[in-house]
C-alpha cells in the first residue's frame, strides 16, 4: 500500500511540470502569430499606426488563467 502511494505521489511533480511546459510552448507560438499578423498591417513598421497591444495582453492573460485553472483542477 505504501509503495503504491509512493508511485502515485512521485508522479505528481512530473504531471505538473509537463502541464507547465505544454502551456509554455503554446503561449509563445500564439504571441508570435499575433506579432506576425500585426506586422502585415500597413503603417506598423513606419510607426504611423499603433499596434494592438491589448490583443497580446489578452492572449497572455487567457493562457495564464487557463494554465492556473488546469493546475488547480488537478489538486
PDB file of N, CA and C in Angstrom:
ATOM      1  N   UNK A   1       0.814  -1.182   0.000  1.00  0.00           N
ATOM      2  CA  UNK A   1       0.000   0.000   0.000  1.00  0.00           C
ATOM      3  C   UNK A   1       0.867   1.259   0.000  1.00  0.00           C
ATOM      4  N   UNK A   2       1.929   1.245   0.782  1.00  0.00           N
ATOM      5  CA  UNK A   2       2.818   2.399   0.846  1.00  0.00           C
ATOM      6  C   UNK A   2       3.553   2.567  -0.485  1.00  0.00           C
ATOM      7  N   UNK A   3       3.927   1.456  -1.092  1.00  0.00           N
ATOM      8  CA  UNK A   3       4.646   1.512  -2.368  1.00  0.00           C
ATOM      9  C   UNK A   3       3.783   2.147  -3.457  1.00  0.00           C
ATOM     10  N   UNK A   4       2.518   1.787  -3.493  1.00  0.00           N
ATOM     11  CA  UNK A   4       1.606   2.367  -4.491  1.00  0.00           C
ATOM     12  C   UNK A   4       1.439   3.866  -4.241  1.00  0.00           C
ATOM     13  N   UNK A   5       1.345   4.246  -2.992  1.00  0.00           N
ATOM     14  CA  UNK A   5       1.251   5.665  -2.655  1.00  0.00           C
ATOM     15  C   UNK A   5       2.492   6.434  -3.077  1.00  0.00           C
ATOM     16  N   UNK A   6       3.660   5.823  -2.912  1.00  0.00           N
ATOM     17  CA  UNK A   6       4.900   6.470  -3.351  1.00  0.00           C
ATOM     18  C   UNK A   6       4.947   6.611  -4.869  1.00  0.00           C
ATOM     19  N   UNK A   7       4.468   5.588  -5.569  1.00  0.00           N
ATOM     20  CA  UNK A   7       4.450   5.676  -7.026  1.00  0.00           C
ATOM     21  C   UNK A   7       3.517   6.789  -7.520  1.00  0.00           C
ATOM     22  N   UNK A   8       2.352   6.849  -6.949  1.00  0.00           N
ATOM     23  CA  UNK A   8       1.388   7.878  -7.359  1.00  0.00           C
ATOM     24  C   UNK A   8       1.879   9.261  -6.940  1.00  0.00           C
ATOM     25  N   UNK A   9       2.339   9.402  -5.724  1.00  0.00           N
ATOM     26  CA  UNK A   9       2.825  10.690  -5.232  1.00  0.00           C
ATOM     27  C   UNK A   9       4.074  11.162  -5.959  1.00  0.00           C
ATOM     28  N   UNK A  10       4.896  10.234  -6.378  1.00  0.00           N
ATOM     29  CA  UNK A  10       6.107  10.594  -7.106  1.00  0.00           C
ATOM     30  C   UNK A  10       5.839  11.081  -8.518  1.00  0.00           C
ATOM     31  N   UNK A  11       4.661  10.780  -9.041  1.00  0.00           N
ATOM     32  CA  UNK A  11       4.321  11.195 -10.401  1.00  0.00           C
ATOM     33  C   UNK A  11       3.702  12.592 -10.469  1.00  0.00           C
ATOM     34  N   UNK A  12       3.262  13.123  -9.363  1.00  0.00           N
ATOM     35  CA  UNK A  12       2.648  14.453  -9.376  1.00  0.00           C
ATOM     36  C   UNK A  12       3.598  15.551  -9.861  1.00  0.00           C
ATOM     37  N   UNK A  13       4.846  15.596  -9.409  1.00  0.00           N
ATOM     38  CA  UNK A  13       5.739  16.635  -9.946  1.00  0.00           C
ATOM     39  C   UNK A  13       5.916  16.523 -11.460  1.00  0.00           C
ATOM     40  N   UNK A  14       5.995  15.306 -11.974  1.00  0.00           N
ATOM     41  CA  UNK A  14       6.128  15.120 -13.421  1.00  0.00           C
ATOM     42  C   UNK A  14       4.880  15.620 -14.144  1.00  0.00           C
ATOM     43  N   UNK A  15       3.734  15.375 -13.568  1.00  0.00           N
ATOM     44  CA  UNK A  15       2.487  15.809 -14.183  1.00  0.00           C
ATOM     45  C   UNK A  15       2.397  17.329 -14.247  1.00  0.00           C
ATOM     46  N   UNK A  16       2.671  18.000 -13.133  1.00  0.00           N
ATOM     47  CA  UNK A  16       2.603  19.455 -13.109  1.00  0.00           C
ATOM     48  C   UNK A  16       3.669  20.080 -14.011  1.00  0.00           C
ATOM     49  N   UNK A  17       4.857  19.504 -14.055  1.00  0.00           N
ATOM     50  CA  UNK A  17       5.900  20.018 -14.941  1.00  0.00           C
ATOM     51  C   UNK A  17       5.495  19.862 -16.403  1.00  0.00           C
ATOM     52  N   UNK A  18       4.910  18.732 -16.752  1.00  0.00           N
ATOM     53  CA  UNK A  18       4.505  18.533 -18.148  1.00  0.00           C
ATOM     54  C   UNK A  18       3.393  19.491 -18.542  1.00  0.00           C
ATOM     55  N   UNK A  19       2.454  19.761 -17.646  1.00  0.00           N
ATOM     56  CA  UNK A  19       1.402  20.733 -17.952  1.00  0.00           C
ATOM     57  C   UNK A  19       1.974  22.137 -18.116  1.00  0.00           C
ATOM     58  N   UNK A  20       2.925  22.497 -17.265  1.00  0.00           N
ATOM     59  CA  UNK A  20       3.543  23.820 -17.359  1.00  0.00           C
ATOM     60  C   UNK A  20       4.331  23.964 -18.648  1.00  0.00           C
ATOM     61  N   UNK A  21       5.103  22.957 -18.992  1.00  0.00           N
ATOM     62  CA  UNK A  21       5.899  23.020 -20.225  1.00  0.00           C
ATOM     63  C   UNK A  21       4.991  23.083 -21.442  1.00  0.00           C
ATOM     64  N   UNK A  22       3.898  22.347 -21.427  1.00  0.00           N
ATOM     65  CA  UNK A  22       2.959  22.379 -22.545  1.00  0.00           C
ATOM     66  C   UNK A  22       2.391  23.780 -22.722  1.00  0.00           C
ATOM     67  N   UNK A  23       2.001  24.414 -21.627  1.00  0.00           N
ATOM     68  CA  UNK A  23       1.461  25.764 -21.721  1.00  0.00           C
ATOM     69  C   UNK A  23       2.534  26.766 -22.141  1.00  0.00           C
ATOM     70  N   UNK A  24       3.764  26.551 -21.703  1.00  0.00           N
ATOM     71  CA  UNK A  24       4.830  27.472 -22.066  1.00  0.00           C
ATOM     72  C   UNK A  24       5.247  27.325 -23.525  1.00  0.00           C
ATOM     73  N   UNK A  25       4.898  26.230 -24.161  1.00  0.00           N
ATOM     74  CA  UNK A  25       5.177  26.074 -25.584  1.00  0.00           C
ATOM     75  C   UNK A  25       4.069  26.668 -26.439  1.00  0.00           C
ATOM     76  N   UNK A  26       2.845  26.676 -25.933  1.00  0.00           N
ATOM     77  CA  UNK A  26       1.708  27.180 -26.698  1.00  0.00           C
ATOM     78  C   UNK A  26       1.689  28.705 -26.699  1.00  0.00           C
ATOM     79  N   UNK A  27       1.972  29.328 -25.589  1.00  0.00           N
ATOM     80  CA  UNK A  27       1.894  30.786 -25.474  1.00  0.00           C
ATOM     81  C   UNK A  27       2.820  31.513 -26.445  1.00  0.00           C
ATOM     82  N   UNK A  28       4.109  31.183 -26.514  1.00  0.00           N
ATOM     83  CA  UNK A  28       4.959  31.917 -27.464  1.00  0.00           C
ATOM     84  C   UNK A  28       4.532  31.727 -28.918  1.00  0.00           C
ATOM     85  N   UNK A  29       4.018  30.564 -29.250  1.00  0.00           N
ATOM     86  CA  UNK A  29       3.562  30.332 -30.627  1.00  0.00           C
ATOM     87  C   UNK A  29       2.387  31.252 -30.960  1.00  0.00           C
ATOM     88  N   UNK A  30       1.473  31.406 -30.026  1.00  0.00           N
ATOM     89  CA  UNK A  30       0.331  32.297 -30.265  1.00  0.00           C
ATOM     90  C   UNK A  30       0.765  33.761 -30.322  1.00  0.00           C
ATOM     91  N   UNK A  31       1.685  34.157 -29.445  1.00  0.00           N
ATOM     92  CA  UNK A  31       2.171  35.533 -29.470  1.00  0.00           C
ATOM     93  C   UNK A  31       2.929  35.826 -30.762  1.00  0.00           C
ATOM     94  N   UNK A  32       3.717  34.889 -31.226  1.00  0.00           N
ATOM     95  CA  UNK A  32       4.449  35.072 -32.470  1.00  0.00           C
ATOM     96  C   UNK A  32       3.493  35.207 -33.649  1.00  0.00           C
ATOM     97  N   UNK A  33       2.440  34.408 -33.655  1.00  0.00           N
ATOM     98  CA  UNK A  33       1.436  34.502 -34.709  1.00  0.00           C
ATOM     99  C   UNK A  33       0.755  35.875 -34.692  1.00  0.00           C
ATOM    100  N   UNK A  34       0.478  36.387 -33.494  1.00  0.00           N
ATOM    101  CA  UNK A  34      -0.162  37.700 -33.366  1.00  0.00           C
ATOM    102  C   UNK A  34       0.774  38.817 -33.827  1.00  0.00           C
ATOM    103  N   UNK A  35       2.055  38.731 -33.475  1.00  0.00           N
ATOM    104  CA  UNK A  35       3.021  39.747 -33.891  1.00  0.00           C
ATOM    105  C   UNK A  35       3.161  39.741 -35.414  1.00  0.00           C
ATOM    106  N   UNK A  36       3.231  38.573 -35.999  1.00  0.00           N
ATOM    107  CA  UNK A  36       3.319  38.487 -37.457  1.00  0.00           C
ATOM    108  C   UNK A  36       2.078  39.067 -38.125  1.00  0.00           C
ATOM    109  N   UNK A  37       0.920  38.805 -37.517  1.00  0.00           N
ATOM    110  CA  UNK A  37      -0.321  39.360 -38.070  1.00  0.00           C
ATOM    111  C   UNK A  37      -0.292  40.876 -38.025  1.00  0.00           C
ATOM    112  N   UNK A  38       0.191  41.422 -36.937  1.00  0.00           N
ATOM    113  CA  UNK A  38       0.211  42.880 -36.810  1.00  0.00           C
ATOM    114  C   UNK A  38       1.254  43.523 -37.719  1.00  0.00           C
ATOM    115  N   UNK A  39       2.339  42.845 -38.013  1.00  0.00           N
ATOM    116  CA  UNK A  39       3.334  43.407 -38.922  1.00  0.00           C
ATOM    117  C   UNK A  39       2.814  43.475 -40.355  1.00  0.00           C
ATOM    118  N   UNK A  40       1.800  42.687 -40.673  1.00  0.00           N
ATOM    119  CA  UNK A  40       1.202  42.752 -42.005  1.00  0.00           C
ATOM    120  C   UNK A  40       0.299  43.975 -42.181  1.00  0.00           C
ATOM    121  N   UNK A  41      -0.070  44.625 -41.091  1.00  0.00           N
ATOM    122  CA  UNK A  41      -0.919  45.816 -41.160  1.00  0.00           C
ATOM    123  C   UNK A  41      -0.080  46.973 -41.688  1.00  0.00           C
ATOM    124  N   UNK A  42      -0.556  47.634 -42.744  1.00  0.00           N
ATOM    125  CA  UNK A  42       0.219  48.757 -43.286  1.00  0.00           C
ATOM    126  C   UNK A  42       0.358  49.888 -42.256  1.00  0.00           C
ATOM    127  N   UNK A  43       1.565  50.408 -42.120  1.00  0.00           N
ATOM    128  CA  UNK A  43       1.818  51.527 -41.219  1.00  0.00           C
ATOM    129  C   UNK A  43       2.437  51.133 -39.891  1.00  0.00           C
ATOM    130  N   UNK A  44       2.457  49.861 -39.579  1.00  0.00           N
ATOM    131  CA  UNK A  44       3.041  49.426 -38.296  1.00  0.00           C
ATOM    132  C   UNK A  44       4.557  49.624 -38.327  1.00  0.00           C
ATOM    133  N   UNK A  45       5.194  49.206 -39.393  1.00  0.00           N
ATOM    134  CA  UNK A  45       6.646  49.310 -39.466  1.00  0.00           C
ATOM    135  C   UNK A  45       7.072  50.775 -39.595  1.00  0.00           C
ATOM    136  N   UNK A  46       6.262  51.599 -40.262  1.00  0.00           N
ATOM    137  CA  UNK A  46       6.574  53.023 -40.410  1.00  0.00           C
ATOM    138  C   UNK A  46       6.245  53.829 -39.163  1.00  0.00           C
ATOM    139  N   UNK A  47       5.619  53.192 -38.204  1.00  0.00           N
ATOM    140  CA  UNK A  47       5.193  53.806 -36.938  1.00  0.00           C
ATOM    141  C   UNK A  47       4.157  54.913 -37.133  1.00  0.00           C
ATOM    142  N   UNK A  48       3.359  54.777 -38.177  1.00  0.00           N
ATOM    143  CA  UNK A  48       2.254  55.720 -38.365  1.00  0.00           C
ATOM    144  C   UNK A  48       0.971  55.189 -37.745  1.00  0.00           C
ATOM    145  N   UNK A  49       0.927  53.874 -37.511  1.00  0.00           N
ATOM    146  CA  UNK A  49      -0.228  53.230 -36.876  1.00  0.00           C
ATOM    147  C   UNK A  49       0.272  52.515 -35.629  1.00  0.00           C
ATOM    148  N   UNK A  50      -0.461  52.660 -34.536  1.00  0.00           N
ATOM    149  CA  UNK A  50      -0.065  51.984 -33.294  1.00  0.00           C
ATOM    150  C   UNK A  50      -0.494  50.519 -33.342  1.00  0.00           C
ATOM    151  N   UNK A  51       0.348  49.626 -32.826  1.00  0.00           N
ATOM    152  CA  UNK A  51      -0.032  48.223 -32.766  1.00  0.00           C
ATOM    153  C   UNK A  51      -1.135  47.987 -31.739  1.00  0.00           C
ATOM    154  N   UNK A  52      -1.789  46.869 -31.863  1.00  0.00           N
ATOM    155  CA  UNK A  52      -2.862  46.493 -30.940  1.00  0.00           C
ATOM    156  C   UNK A  52      -2.242  45.741 -29.759  1.00  0.00           C
ATOM    157  N   UNK A  53      -1.825  46.486 -28.755  1.00  0.00           N
ATOM    158  CA  UNK A  53      -1.188  45.872 -27.590  1.00  0.00           C
ATOM    159  C   UNK A  53      -2.181  45.040 -26.784  1.00  0.00           C
ATOM    160  N   UNK A  54      -3.422  45.442 -26.786  1.00  0.00           N
ATOM    161  CA  UNK A  54      -4.432  44.766 -25.972  1.00  0.00           C
ATOM    162  C   UNK A  54      -4.603  43.309 -26.395  1.00  0.00           C
ATOM    163  N   UNK A  55      -4.477  43.016 -27.677  1.00  0.00           N
ATOM    164  CA  UNK A  55      -4.629  41.640 -28.160  1.00  0.00           C
ATOM    165  C   UNK A  55      -3.541  40.744 -27.570  1.00  0.00           C
ATOM    166  N   UNK A  56      -2.301  41.239 -27.524  1.00  0.00           N
ATOM    167  CA  UNK A  56      -1.206  40.458 -26.946  1.00  0.00           C
ATOM    168  C   UNK A  56      -1.407  40.259 -25.447  1.00  0.00           C
ATOM    169  N   UNK A  57      -1.881  41.280 -24.766  1.00  0.00           N
ATOM    170  CA  UNK A  57      -2.151  41.162 -23.329  1.00  0.00           C
ATOM    171  C   UNK A  57      -3.282  40.164 -23.089  1.00  0.00           C
ATOM    172  N   UNK A  58      -4.299  40.192 -23.940  1.00  0.00           N
ATOM    173  CA  UNK A  58      -5.408  39.241 -23.809  1.00  0.00           C
ATOM    174  C   UNK A  58      -4.937  37.802 -23.992  1.00  0.00           C
ATOM    175  N   UNK A  59      -4.050  37.572 -24.949  1.00  0.00           N
ATOM    176  CA  UNK A  59      -3.525  36.222 -25.172  1.00  0.00           C
ATOM    177  C   UNK A  59      -2.770  35.747 -23.934  1.00  0.00           C
ATOM    178  N   UNK A  60      -1.902  36.607 -23.385  1.00  0.00           N
ATOM    179  CA  UNK A  60      -1.129  36.229 -22.188  1.00  0.00           C
ATOM    180  C   UNK A  60      -2.029  35.986 -20.986  1.00  0.00           C
ATOM    181  N   UNK A  61      -3.020  36.843 -20.807  1.00  0.00           N
ATOM    182  CA  UNK A  61      -3.922  36.707 -19.663  1.00  0.00           C
ATOM    183  C   UNK A  61      -4.748  35.441 -19.769  1.00  0.00           C
ATOM    184  N   UNK A  62      -5.266  35.173 -20.955  1.00  0.00           N
ATOM    185  CA  UNK A  62      -6.092  33.980 -21.149  1.00  0.00           C
ATOM    186  C   UNK A  62      -5.284  32.717 -20.876  1.00  0.00           C
ATOM    187  N   UNK A  63      -4.071  32.646 -21.416  1.00  0.00           N
ATOM    188  CA  UNK A  63      -3.234  31.464 -21.208  1.00  0.00           C
ATOM    189  C   UNK A  63      -2.836  31.313 -19.742  1.00  0.00           C
ATOM    190  N   UNK A  64      -2.565  32.404 -19.053  1.00  0.00           N
ATOM    191  CA  UNK A  64      -2.198  32.326 -17.640  1.00  0.00           C
ATOM    192  C   UNK A  64      -3.368  31.802 -16.806  1.00  0.00           C
ATOM    193  N   UNK A  65      -4.562  32.283 -17.106  1.00  0.00           N
ATOM    194  CA  UNK A  65      -5.733  31.815 -16.367  1.00  0.00           C
ATOM    195  C   UNK A  65      -6.041  30.367 -16.702  1.00  0.00           C
ATOM    196  N   UNK A  66      -5.870  29.998 -17.955  1.00  0.00           N
ATOM    197  CA  UNK A  66      -6.127  28.615 -18.352  1.00  0.00           C
ATOM    198  C   UNK A  66      -5.128  27.674 -17.687  1.00  0.00           C
ATOM    199  N   UNK A  67      -3.873  28.082 -17.630  1.00  0.00           N
ATOM    200  CA  UNK A  67      -2.846  27.258 -17.009  1.00  0.00           C
ATOM    201  C   UNK A  67      -3.093  27.110 -15.510  1.00  0.00           C
ATOM    202  N   UNK A  68      -3.491  28.182 -14.850  1.00  0.00           N
ATOM    203  CA  UNK A  68      -3.728  28.095 -13.411  1.00  0.00           C
ATOM    204  C   UNK A  68      -4.978  27.265 -13.108  1.00  0.00           C
ATOM    205  N   UNK A  69      -5.957  27.302 -13.986  1.00  0.00           N
ATOM    206  CA  UNK A  69      -7.166  26.507 -13.738  1.00  0.00           C
ATOM    207  C   UNK A  69      -6.885  25.019 -13.932  1.00  0.00           C
ATOM    208  N   UNK A  70      -5.982  24.661 -14.848  1.00  0.00           N
ATOM    209  CA  UNK A  70      -5.629  23.251 -15.019  1.00  0.00           C
ATOM    210  C   UNK A  70      -4.911  22.723 -13.790  1.00  0.00           C
ATOM    211  N   UNK A  71      -3.998  23.530 -13.254  1.00  0.00           N
ATOM    212  CA  UNK A  71      -3.253  23.094 -12.066  1.00  0.00           C
ATOM    213  C   UNK A  71      -4.151  22.976 -10.847  1.00  0.00           C
ATOM    214  N   UNK A  72      -5.079  23.918 -10.687  1.00  0.00           N
ATOM    215  CA  UNK A  72      -5.972  23.890  -9.533  1.00  0.00           C
ATOM    216  C   UNK A  72      -6.964  22.736  -9.639  1.00  0.00           C
ATOM    217  N   UNK A  73      -7.356  22.414 -10.849  1.00  0.00           N
ATOM    218  CA  UNK A  73      -8.310  21.316 -11.036  1.00  0.00           C
ATOM    219  C   UNK A  73      -7.731  19.960 -10.702  1.00  0.00           C
ATOM    220  N   UNK A  74      -6.431  19.823 -10.834  1.00  0.00           N
ATOM    221  CA  UNK A  74      -5.795  18.548 -10.539  1.00  0.00           C
ATOM    222  C   UNK A  74      -5.563  18.338  -9.052  1.00  0.00           C
ATOM    223  N   UNK A  75      -5.504  19.426  -8.298  1.00  0.00           N
ATOM    224  CA  UNK A  75      -5.278  19.285  -6.864  1.00  0.00           C
ATOM    225  C   UNK A  75      -6.536  18.735  -6.236  1.00  0.00           C
TER     226      UNK A  75
END
